[in-house]
């Protein structure tokens, strides 16, 4: 298994803390407040993001074990950007709602560089579950 440097572990911890406390500070008041009256999709999004914020607390203590959560965050945001925002930007048809979300989506960029990709892919290939 490749080793992950201590500075990178601390960067991961800072990243998880940013998700846990930054996102949590925005999501939990909404989730605990008026979500019962919110449109269905907003309630789903708030619930999923609150779970991400909560699980990121574990990532502060165990950053490598929680890498799948971080990889999920990077993947869904990259997918949203590639499938939704970029084509509309290219066509010149960006809506206000998309533009408002671009900053939040862009916050994932540092995580792309912080994530220990070698460790992640090596840990997956070394620990595959048997099929039978």
N, C-alpha and C. Protein backbone atom coordinates (compact mmCIF):
# COMPACT_ATOMS: atom_id res chain seq x y z
N UNK A 1 0.83 -1.19 0.00
CA UNK A 1 0.00 0.00 0.00
C UNK A 1 0.87 1.25 0.00
N UNK A 2 0.59 2.19 -0.88
CA UNK A 2 1.37 3.43 -0.83
C UNK A 2 1.07 4.19 0.46
N UNK A 3 2.09 4.82 0.97
CA UNK A 3 1.93 5.61 2.19
C UNK A 3 1.38 6.99 1.84
N UNK A 4 0.58 7.52 2.72
CA UNK A 4 0.04 8.88 2.55
C UNK A 4 0.77 9.76 3.55
N UNK A 5 1.33 10.84 3.07
CA UNK A 5 2.13 11.71 3.93
C UNK A 5 1.27 12.38 5.01
N UNK A 6 1.93 12.70 6.11
CA UNK A 6 1.24 13.37 7.22
C UNK A 6 0.65 14.72 6.79
N UNK A 7 1.40 15.56 6.02
CA UNK A 7 0.78 16.82 5.57
C UNK A 7 -0.49 16.60 4.74
N UNK A 8 -0.49 15.56 3.90
CA UNK A 8 -1.70 15.29 3.11
C UNK A 8 -2.84 14.84 4.01
N UNK A 9 -2.53 14.04 5.05
CA UNK A 9 -3.57 13.63 5.99
C UNK A 9 -4.18 14.86 6.68
N UNK A 10 -3.34 15.82 7.04
CA UNK A 10 -3.86 17.04 7.67
C UNK A 10 -4.68 17.87 6.68
N UNK A 11 -4.26 17.91 5.41
CA UNK A 11 -5.06 18.61 4.41
C UNK A 11 -6.43 17.93 4.24
N UNK A 12 -6.43 16.61 4.25
CA UNK A 12 -7.70 15.88 4.17
C UNK A 12 -8.58 16.22 5.37
N UNK A 13 -7.98 16.24 6.56
CA UNK A 13 -8.75 16.56 7.76
C UNK A 13 -9.34 17.97 7.68
N UNK A 14 -8.55 18.91 7.18
CA UNK A 14 -9.06 20.28 7.01
C UNK A 14 -10.21 20.28 6.01
N UNK A 15 -10.05 19.51 4.94
CA UNK A 15 -11.12 19.42 3.94
C UNK A 15 -12.39 18.83 4.50
N UNK A 16 -12.26 17.75 5.27
CA UNK A 16 -13.45 17.15 5.90
C UNK A 16 -14.08 18.14 6.88
N UNK A 17 -13.26 18.85 7.64
CA UNK A 17 -13.79 19.83 8.60
C UNK A 17 -14.54 20.93 7.87
N UNK A 18 -14.01 21.37 6.73
CA UNK A 18 -14.68 22.41 5.93
C UNK A 18 -16.05 21.92 5.48
N UNK A 19 -16.11 20.66 5.02
CA UNK A 19 -17.40 20.10 4.60
C UNK A 19 -18.34 19.98 5.80
N UNK A 20 -17.83 19.39 6.89
CA UNK A 20 -18.68 19.13 8.05
C UNK A 20 -19.24 20.41 8.65
N UNK A 21 -18.38 21.38 8.88
CA UNK A 21 -18.83 22.59 9.57
C UNK A 21 -19.37 23.64 8.61
N UNK A 22 -18.74 23.80 7.46
CA UNK A 22 -19.21 24.79 6.48
C UNK A 22 -20.55 24.41 5.88
N UNK A 23 -20.63 23.18 5.38
CA UNK A 23 -21.88 22.73 4.80
C UNK A 23 -22.93 22.51 5.89
N UNK A 24 -22.48 21.96 7.01
CA UNK A 24 -23.41 21.72 8.11
C UNK A 24 -24.07 22.99 8.61
N UNK A 25 -23.31 24.08 8.66
CA UNK A 25 -23.85 25.36 9.12
C UNK A 25 -24.93 25.89 8.17
N UNK A 26 -24.83 25.52 6.90
CA UNK A 26 -25.83 25.97 5.93
C UNK A 26 -27.02 25.02 5.87
N UNK A 27 -26.75 23.73 5.95
CA UNK A 27 -27.78 22.73 5.70
C UNK A 27 -28.63 22.44 6.93
N UNK A 28 -28.02 22.26 8.09
CA UNK A 28 -28.79 21.83 9.26
C UNK A 28 -29.87 22.83 9.70
N UNK A 29 -29.61 24.13 9.68
CA UNK A 29 -30.72 25.04 10.02
C UNK A 29 -31.91 24.90 9.05
N UNK A 30 -31.60 24.73 7.77
CA UNK A 30 -32.68 24.54 6.78
C UNK A 30 -33.38 23.21 7.00
N UNK A 31 -32.59 22.17 7.23
CA UNK A 31 -33.16 20.83 7.39
C UNK A 31 -34.02 20.74 8.64
N UNK A 32 -33.58 21.34 9.70
CA UNK A 32 -34.33 21.28 10.95
C UNK A 32 -35.45 22.31 11.02
N UNK A 33 -35.43 23.25 10.08
CA UNK A 33 -36.44 24.31 10.09
C UNK A 33 -37.59 24.02 9.16
N UNK A 34 -37.53 24.55 7.98
CA UNK A 34 -38.68 24.56 7.08
C UNK A 34 -38.64 23.47 6.02
N UNK A 35 -37.85 22.44 6.19
CA UNK A 35 -37.76 21.42 5.15
C UNK A 35 -39.07 20.67 4.96
N UNK A 36 -39.87 20.54 6.00
CA UNK A 36 -41.15 19.85 5.88
C UNK A 36 -42.04 20.51 4.84
N UNK A 37 -41.89 21.81 4.66
CA UNK A 37 -42.70 22.54 3.69
C UNK A 37 -41.97 22.81 2.38
N UNK A 38 -40.72 22.35 2.29
CA UNK A 38 -39.92 22.60 1.09
C UNK A 38 -40.36 21.67 -0.05
N UNK A 39 -40.09 22.07 -1.29
CA UNK A 39 -40.36 21.16 -2.41
C UNK A 39 -39.57 19.86 -2.24
N UNK A 40 -40.10 18.79 -2.82
CA UNK A 40 -39.52 17.46 -2.66
C UNK A 40 -38.02 17.43 -2.94
N UNK A 41 -37.62 17.96 -4.09
CA UNK A 41 -36.20 17.89 -4.47
C UNK A 41 -35.30 18.63 -3.49
N UNK A 42 -35.75 19.76 -2.97
CA UNK A 42 -34.94 20.50 -1.99
C UNK A 42 -34.78 19.69 -0.71
N UNK A 43 -35.83 19.00 -0.30
CA UNK A 43 -35.74 18.16 0.89
C UNK A 43 -34.77 17.01 0.70
N UNK A 44 -34.80 16.41 -0.48
CA UNK A 44 -33.87 15.31 -0.77
C UNK A 44 -32.44 15.81 -0.76
N UNK A 45 -32.20 16.93 -1.43
CA UNK A 45 -30.85 17.50 -1.49
C UNK A 45 -30.36 17.85 -0.09
N UNK A 46 -31.20 18.50 0.71
CA UNK A 46 -30.79 18.86 2.07
C UNK A 46 -30.48 17.62 2.91
N UNK A 47 -31.28 16.58 2.77
CA UNK A 47 -31.03 15.35 3.53
C UNK A 47 -29.71 14.70 3.11
N UNK A 48 -29.45 14.64 1.82
CA UNK A 48 -28.20 14.04 1.34
C UNK A 48 -26.99 14.86 1.77
N UNK A 49 -27.09 16.17 1.66
CA UNK A 49 -25.96 17.01 2.05
C UNK A 49 -25.75 16.99 3.56
N UNK A 50 -26.81 16.85 4.33
CA UNK A 50 -26.63 16.75 5.78
C UNK A 50 -25.94 15.44 6.15
N UNK A 51 -26.25 14.36 5.44
CA UNK A 51 -25.55 13.09 5.67
C UNK A 51 -24.08 13.22 5.32
N UNK A 52 -23.77 13.91 4.23
CA UNK A 52 -22.38 14.14 3.84
C UNK A 52 -21.65 14.94 4.92
N UNK A 53 -22.29 15.98 5.44
CA UNK A 53 -21.68 16.79 6.49
C UNK A 53 -21.44 15.96 7.75
N UNK A 54 -22.41 15.13 8.11
CA UNK A 54 -22.27 14.30 9.30
C UNK A 54 -21.15 13.27 9.13
N UNK A 55 -21.10 12.61 7.99
CA UNK A 55 -20.05 11.62 7.74
C UNK A 55 -18.68 12.26 7.63
N UNK A 56 -18.63 13.52 7.23
CA UNK A 56 -17.35 14.22 7.16
C UNK A 56 -16.74 14.42 8.54
N UNK A 57 -17.58 14.44 9.57
CA UNK A 57 -17.04 14.49 10.94
C UNK A 57 -16.17 13.27 11.21
N UNK A 58 -16.60 12.11 10.72
CA UNK A 58 -15.79 10.90 10.87
C UNK A 58 -14.49 11.04 10.08
N UNK A 59 -14.58 11.70 8.92
CA UNK A 59 -13.40 11.90 8.08
C UNK A 59 -12.31 12.71 8.76
N UNK A 60 -12.67 13.56 9.71
CA UNK A 60 -11.66 14.32 10.45
C UNK A 60 -10.78 13.36 11.24
N UNK A 61 -11.38 12.35 11.85
CA UNK A 61 -10.63 11.39 12.65
C UNK A 61 -10.01 10.28 11.80
N UNK A 62 -10.69 9.88 10.74
CA UNK A 62 -10.23 8.76 9.91
C UNK A 62 -10.29 9.16 8.43
N UNK A 63 -9.38 10.03 8.00
CA UNK A 63 -9.50 10.59 6.64
C UNK A 63 -9.38 9.56 5.52
N UNK A 64 -8.56 8.54 5.71
CA UNK A 64 -8.40 7.57 4.63
C UNK A 64 -9.59 6.61 4.55
N UNK A 65 -10.17 6.27 5.67
CA UNK A 65 -11.33 5.38 5.65
C UNK A 65 -12.55 6.05 5.05
N UNK A 66 -12.59 7.35 5.10
CA UNK A 66 -13.75 8.08 4.56
C UNK A 66 -13.51 8.62 3.14
N UNK A 67 -12.43 8.17 2.51
CA UNK A 67 -12.16 8.62 1.13
C UNK A 67 -13.32 8.37 0.17
N UNK A 68 -14.06 7.26 0.28
CA UNK A 68 -15.18 7.10 -0.66
C UNK A 68 -16.18 8.24 -0.60
N UNK A 69 -16.39 8.82 0.58
CA UNK A 69 -17.29 9.97 0.70
C UNK A 69 -16.72 11.16 -0.08
N UNK A 70 -15.43 11.38 0.05
CA UNK A 70 -14.79 12.49 -0.66
C UNK A 70 -14.80 12.26 -2.17
N UNK A 71 -14.53 11.03 -2.57
CA UNK A 71 -14.54 10.70 -4.00
C UNK A 71 -15.96 10.86 -4.56
N UNK A 72 -16.95 10.48 -3.78
CA UNK A 72 -18.35 10.69 -4.20
C UNK A 72 -18.62 12.17 -4.42
N UNK A 73 -18.19 12.99 -3.48
CA UNK A 73 -18.40 14.44 -3.58
C UNK A 73 -17.74 14.99 -4.85
N UNK A 74 -16.51 14.59 -5.11
CA UNK A 74 -15.81 15.04 -6.32
C UNK A 74 -16.53 14.56 -7.56
N UNK A 75 -16.96 13.30 -7.56
CA UNK A 75 -17.57 12.69 -8.74
C UNK A 75 -18.91 13.31 -9.09
N UNK A 76 -19.78 13.51 -8.09
CA UNK A 76 -21.09 14.06 -8.45
C UNK A 76 -20.97 15.50 -8.91
N UNK A 77 -20.05 16.25 -8.33
CA UNK A 77 -19.90 17.64 -8.76
C UNK A 77 -19.28 17.73 -10.14
N UNK A 78 -18.32 16.87 -10.43
CA UNK A 78 -17.72 16.86 -11.77
C UNK A 78 -18.76 16.42 -12.81
N UNK A 79 -19.58 15.45 -12.45
CA UNK A 79 -20.63 14.98 -13.36
C UNK A 79 -21.64 16.10 -13.62
N UNK A 80 -22.06 16.79 -12.56
CA UNK A 80 -23.01 17.89 -12.72
C UNK A 80 -22.43 18.97 -13.61
N UNK A 81 -21.17 19.31 -13.37
CA UNK A 81 -20.54 20.35 -14.18
C UNK A 81 -20.48 19.93 -15.65
N UNK A 82 -20.03 18.68 -15.90
CA UNK A 82 -19.87 18.21 -17.28
C UNK A 82 -21.20 18.02 -18.00
N UNK A 83 -22.21 17.56 -17.28
CA UNK A 83 -23.49 17.23 -17.93
C UNK A 83 -24.48 18.37 -17.93
N UNK A 84 -24.38 19.30 -16.97
CA UNK A 84 -25.38 20.36 -16.86
C UNK A 84 -24.79 21.74 -17.15
N UNK A 85 -23.81 22.14 -16.36
CA UNK A 85 -23.31 23.52 -16.45
C UNK A 85 -22.51 23.79 -17.71
N UNK A 86 -21.56 22.93 -18.02
CA UNK A 86 -20.69 23.20 -19.17
C UNK A 86 -21.46 23.26 -20.49
N UNK A 87 -22.34 22.29 -20.79
CA UNK A 87 -23.08 22.40 -22.06
C UNK A 87 -23.92 23.67 -22.16
N UNK A 88 -24.51 24.10 -21.05
CA UNK A 88 -25.32 25.32 -21.09
C UNK A 88 -24.44 26.56 -21.21
N UNK A 89 -23.27 26.53 -20.58
CA UNK A 89 -22.34 27.64 -20.72
C UNK A 89 -21.88 27.74 -22.18
N UNK A 90 -21.56 26.58 -22.76
CA UNK A 90 -21.10 26.52 -24.15
C UNK A 90 -22.16 27.06 -25.10
N UNK A 91 -23.43 26.74 -24.81
CA UNK A 91 -24.53 27.19 -25.67
C UNK A 91 -24.99 28.61 -25.35
N UNK A 92 -24.46 29.19 -24.28
CA UNK A 92 -24.86 30.52 -23.86
C UNK A 92 -26.22 30.56 -23.20
N UNK A 93 -26.64 29.44 -22.61
CA UNK A 93 -27.98 29.39 -22.01
C UNK A 93 -27.93 29.08 -20.51
N UNK A 94 -26.95 29.65 -19.82
CA UNK A 94 -26.85 29.45 -18.37
C UNK A 94 -28.02 30.14 -17.67
N UNK A 95 -28.66 29.40 -16.79
CA UNK A 95 -29.75 29.97 -15.99
C UNK A 95 -29.16 30.52 -14.70
N UNK A 96 -29.91 31.40 -14.05
CA UNK A 96 -29.44 31.99 -12.79
C UNK A 96 -29.17 30.93 -11.72
N UNK A 97 -30.02 29.91 -11.65
CA UNK A 97 -29.85 28.87 -10.63
C UNK A 97 -28.53 28.12 -10.84
N UNK A 98 -28.16 27.88 -12.08
CA UNK A 98 -26.91 27.18 -12.36
C UNK A 98 -25.74 28.08 -12.01
N UNK A 99 -25.80 29.34 -12.40
CA UNK A 99 -24.74 30.28 -12.10
C UNK A 99 -24.52 30.42 -10.60
N UNK A 100 -25.62 30.44 -9.84
CA UNK A 100 -25.52 30.55 -8.38
C UNK A 100 -24.83 29.33 -7.78
N UNK A 101 -25.00 28.17 -8.38
CA UNK A 101 -24.40 26.94 -7.85
C UNK A 101 -22.96 26.71 -8.30
N UNK A 102 -22.51 27.44 -9.30
CA UNK A 102 -21.16 27.20 -9.82
C UNK A 102 -20.08 27.42 -8.76
N UNK A 103 -20.24 28.41 -7.90
CA UNK A 103 -19.24 28.64 -6.86
C UNK A 103 -19.18 27.46 -5.90
N UNK A 104 -20.34 27.00 -5.44
CA UNK A 104 -20.37 25.85 -4.52
C UNK A 104 -19.80 24.61 -5.18
N UNK A 105 -20.10 24.41 -6.44
CA UNK A 105 -19.56 23.26 -7.17
C UNK A 105 -18.05 23.42 -7.33
N UNK A 106 -17.60 24.63 -7.59
CA UNK A 106 -16.17 24.89 -7.76
C UNK A 106 -15.34 24.67 -6.52
N UNK A 107 -15.99 24.66 -5.36
CA UNK A 107 -15.24 24.42 -4.11
C UNK A 107 -14.64 23.02 -4.06
N UNK A 108 -15.04 22.15 -4.96
CA UNK A 108 -14.51 20.79 -4.98
C UNK A 108 -13.11 20.75 -5.62
N UNK A 109 -12.72 21.77 -6.33
CA UNK A 109 -11.44 21.76 -7.06
C UNK A 109 -10.24 21.46 -6.17
N UNK A 110 -10.09 22.10 -5.00
CA UNK A 110 -8.94 21.74 -4.16
C UNK A 110 -8.92 20.27 -3.73
N UNK A 111 -10.10 19.69 -3.56
CA UNK A 111 -10.17 18.29 -3.14
C UNK A 111 -9.60 17.35 -4.21
N UNK A 112 -9.72 17.76 -5.45
CA UNK A 112 -9.16 16.95 -6.54
C UNK A 112 -7.65 16.82 -6.36
N UNK A 113 -7.01 17.88 -5.89
CA UNK A 113 -5.56 17.87 -5.69
C UNK A 113 -5.15 17.30 -4.34
N UNK A 114 -6.03 17.38 -3.36
CA UNK A 114 -5.72 16.87 -2.02
C UNK A 114 -5.89 15.36 -1.94
N UNK A 115 -6.86 14.83 -2.66
CA UNK A 115 -7.17 13.40 -2.57
C UNK A 115 -5.96 12.55 -2.94
N UNK A 116 -5.64 11.54 -2.13
CA UNK A 116 -4.52 10.64 -2.46
C UNK A 116 -4.99 9.56 -3.45
N UNK A 117 -5.02 9.92 -4.73
CA UNK A 117 -5.58 9.04 -5.75
C UNK A 117 -4.85 7.71 -5.83
N UNK A 118 -3.52 7.73 -5.74
CA UNK A 118 -2.76 6.48 -5.79
C UNK A 118 -3.17 5.53 -4.69
N UNK A 119 -3.29 6.07 -3.48
CA UNK A 119 -3.71 5.27 -2.33
C UNK A 119 -5.12 4.74 -2.56
N UNK A 120 -6.01 5.58 -3.04
CA UNK A 120 -7.40 5.18 -3.24
C UNK A 120 -7.51 4.02 -4.22
N UNK A 121 -6.88 4.14 -5.39
CA UNK A 121 -7.00 3.09 -6.40
C UNK A 121 -6.26 1.82 -5.97
N UNK A 122 -5.14 1.98 -5.30
CA UNK A 122 -4.41 0.82 -4.81
C UNK A 122 -5.21 0.09 -3.73
N UNK A 123 -5.86 0.84 -2.84
CA UNK A 123 -6.65 0.21 -1.78
C UNK A 123 -7.84 -0.54 -2.35
N UNK A 124 -8.41 -0.04 -3.42
CA UNK A 124 -9.53 -0.73 -4.05
C UNK A 124 -9.04 -2.01 -4.72
N UNK A 125 -7.94 -1.94 -5.45
CA UNK A 125 -7.47 -3.11 -6.18
C UNK A 125 -6.92 -4.19 -5.24
N UNK A 126 -6.42 -3.80 -4.06
CA UNK A 126 -5.88 -4.77 -3.11
C UNK A 126 -6.96 -5.41 -2.25
N UNK A 127 -8.09 -4.78 -2.12
CA UNK A 127 -9.10 -5.24 -1.18
C UNK A 127 -10.42 -5.59 -1.85
N UNK A 128 -10.36 -6.18 -3.02
CA UNK A 128 -11.60 -6.57 -3.68
C UNK A 128 -12.24 -7.74 -2.94
N UNK A 129 -13.53 -7.73 -2.84
CA UNK A 129 -14.25 -8.83 -2.21
C UNK A 129 -14.36 -9.98 -3.18
N UNK A 130 -14.36 -11.16 -2.66
CA UNK A 130 -14.46 -12.33 -3.53
C UNK A 130 -15.89 -12.46 -4.05
N UNK A 131 -16.04 -13.11 -5.19
CA UNK A 131 -17.33 -13.27 -5.83
C UNK A 131 -18.03 -14.55 -5.37
N UNK A 132 -17.24 -15.54 -4.93
CA UNK A 132 -17.83 -16.81 -4.48
C UNK A 132 -17.13 -17.28 -3.25
